[in-house]
């Protein structure tokens, strides 16, 4: 019988500049910066976190080909897409696609795409409720 998985606890992004990444995710996405285990840094939201690894000084064990800009994240937000777009504009963030209909893990989404300081693709989505 296969292992059953119930949720994500955390994921890891390898970044060029931890401080710049923290500023972006705090300002643009409202995440909380947390420091844990002797100076490691994470971005916390809901019941999840994104651990940050400084490129060239990654913690072990790690992905075999960890590098800045290789992430592609979809985040669900209760903030209406119109307000997301307004906030991104206020922050000087270029929207590269959207709003666009997409398919998420639990149903249809309306998504907006942009990039973080490392050029990771960030998708912020509203769940479409019938």
Protein backbone atom coordinates (compact mmCIF):
# COMPACT_ATOMS: atom_id res chain seq x y z
CA UNK A 1 0.00 0.00 0.00
CA UNK A 2 1.46 3.42 -0.94
CA UNK A 3 2.28 6.12 1.60
CA UNK A 4 -0.61 8.55 2.10
CA UNK A 5 0.18 12.28 1.95
CA UNK A 6 -2.15 14.85 3.50
CA UNK A 7 -0.45 18.22 2.84
CA UNK A 8 2.74 20.18 2.28
CA UNK A 9 4.63 21.34 5.34
CA UNK A 10 7.29 23.34 3.52
CA UNK A 11 9.23 23.64 0.31
CA UNK A 12 12.65 25.12 -0.38
CA UNK A 13 13.73 27.90 -2.74
CA UNK A 14 17.39 28.45 -3.49
CA UNK A 15 17.92 32.18 -3.86
CA UNK A 16 20.69 34.59 -4.84
CA UNK A 17 19.96 37.00 -1.97
CA UNK A 18 18.00 35.87 1.09
CA UNK A 19 17.43 39.44 2.35
CA UNK A 20 16.06 40.68 -1.00
CA UNK A 21 13.83 37.62 -1.24
CA UNK A 22 12.46 38.29 2.26
CA UNK A 23 11.67 41.92 1.41
CA UNK A 24 9.83 40.89 -1.77
CA UNK A 25 7.73 38.14 -0.18
CA UNK A 26 6.87 40.31 2.85
CA UNK A 27 5.93 43.39 0.81
CA UNK A 28 4.27 41.75 -2.18
CA UNK A 29 2.73 38.60 -0.70
CA UNK A 30 2.38 39.44 3.00
CA UNK A 31 4.44 36.47 4.19
CA UNK A 32 6.15 36.53 7.57
CA UNK A 33 9.92 36.11 7.76
CA UNK A 34 10.90 33.62 10.45
CA UNK A 35 14.36 32.60 11.63
CA UNK A 36 14.83 29.08 12.97
CA UNK A 37 17.54 26.49 13.73
CA UNK A 38 20.60 28.65 14.25
CA UNK A 39 19.89 31.35 11.69
CA UNK A 40 18.02 29.60 8.88
CA UNK A 41 15.36 31.74 7.21
CA UNK A 42 11.85 30.90 6.05
CA UNK A 43 8.76 32.65 4.74
CA UNK A 44 5.66 31.65 6.67
CA UNK A 45 2.01 31.80 5.57
CA UNK A 46 -1.02 29.84 6.75
CA UNK A 47 0.18 26.42 7.88
CA UNK A 48 3.09 26.30 5.43
CA UNK A 49 6.49 27.83 4.95
CA UNK A 50 9.10 28.33 2.26
CA UNK A 51 12.61 27.65 3.54
CA UNK A 52 15.28 29.77 1.85
CA UNK A 53 18.71 28.45 0.89
CA UNK A 54 21.43 30.90 -0.09
CA UNK A 55 22.84 29.82 -3.46
CA UNK A 56 26.30 28.36 -2.95
CA UNK A 57 25.67 27.80 0.77
CA UNK A 58 22.70 25.42 0.67
CA UNK A 59 21.81 23.27 3.63
CA UNK A 60 22.12 19.49 3.29
CA UNK A 61 20.36 17.42 2.23
CA UNK A 62 19.25 19.46 -0.76
CA UNK A 63 18.05 19.14 -4.33
CA UNK A 64 20.80 17.90 -6.65
CA UNK A 65 20.51 20.89 -9.02
CA UNK A 66 19.31 23.63 -6.69
CA UNK A 67 19.59 27.06 -8.31
CA UNK A 68 17.93 30.46 -8.15
CA UNK A 69 15.09 30.91 -10.61
CA UNK A 70 14.07 27.27 -10.91
CA UNK A 71 10.90 27.57 -8.81
CA UNK A 72 7.34 27.66 -10.11
CA UNK A 73 4.80 28.24 -7.32
CA UNK A 74 1.02 28.54 -7.29
CA UNK A 75 -0.39 30.27 -4.21
CA UNK A 76 -4.09 30.49 -3.38
CA UNK A 77 -5.36 33.84 -2.12
CA UNK A 78 -8.72 35.02 -0.79
CA UNK A 79 -7.82 38.52 -2.05
CA UNK A 80 -9.89 39.23 -5.19
CA UNK A 81 -7.87 39.22 -8.42
CA UNK A 82 -8.69 42.90 -9.08
CA UNK A 83 -7.09 43.82 -5.74
CA UNK A 84 -4.12 41.53 -6.44
CA UNK A 85 -3.53 43.34 -9.74
CA UNK A 86 -3.82 46.74 -8.06
CA UNK A 87 -1.34 45.76 -5.33
CA UNK A 88 1.15 44.35 -7.84
CA UNK A 89 0.97 47.61 -9.81
CA UNK A 90 1.54 49.64 -6.62
CA UNK A 91 4.59 47.46 -5.87
CA UNK A 92 5.96 47.94 -9.39
CA UNK A 93 5.61 44.24 -10.22
CA UNK A 94 5.12 43.34 -13.88
CA UNK A 95 2.29 40.91 -14.51
CA UNK A 96 3.40 38.48 -17.21
CA UNK A 97 0.06 36.72 -17.64
CA UNK A 98 -3.46 36.99 -16.33
CA UNK A 99 -5.95 37.12 -15.06
CA UNK A 100 -6.37 33.77 -16.75
CA UNK A 101 -8.50 30.68 -16.11
CA UNK A 102 -6.44 27.71 -14.94
CA UNK A 103 -7.02 24.32 -13.34
CA UNK A 104 -5.89 23.85 -9.75
CA UNK A 105 -5.65 20.88 -7.42
CA UNK A 106 -9.23 21.24 -6.19
CA UNK A 107 -10.91 23.00 -9.10
CA UNK A 108 -10.87 25.99 -11.43
CA UNK A 109 -8.72 29.04 -10.70
CA UNK A 110 -8.32 32.60 -11.92
CA UNK A 111 -4.57 33.23 -11.89
CA UNK A 112 -2.11 36.09 -12.18
CA UNK A 113 1.57 35.39 -12.97
CA UNK A 114 4.67 37.40 -12.13
CA UNK A 115 8.30 36.82 -11.12
CA UNK A 116 10.19 37.19 -7.85
CA UNK A 117 13.72 38.68 -7.59
CA UNK A 118 15.28 35.37 -8.76
CA UNK A 119 12.87 35.05 -11.70
CA UNK A 120 10.94 32.21 -10.06
CA UNK A 121 7.46 32.07 -11.56
CA UNK A 122 4.83 33.06 -9.02
CA UNK A 123 1.16 32.35 -9.70
CA UNK A 124 -1.39 33.85 -7.31
CA UNK A 125 -4.87 32.46 -7.78
CA UNK A 126 -8.43 32.75 -6.64
CA UNK A 127 -10.44 29.56 -6.39
CA UNK A 128 -13.50 29.80 -8.63
CA UNK A 129 -16.56 29.06 -6.51
CA UNK A 130 -19.75 28.08 -8.36
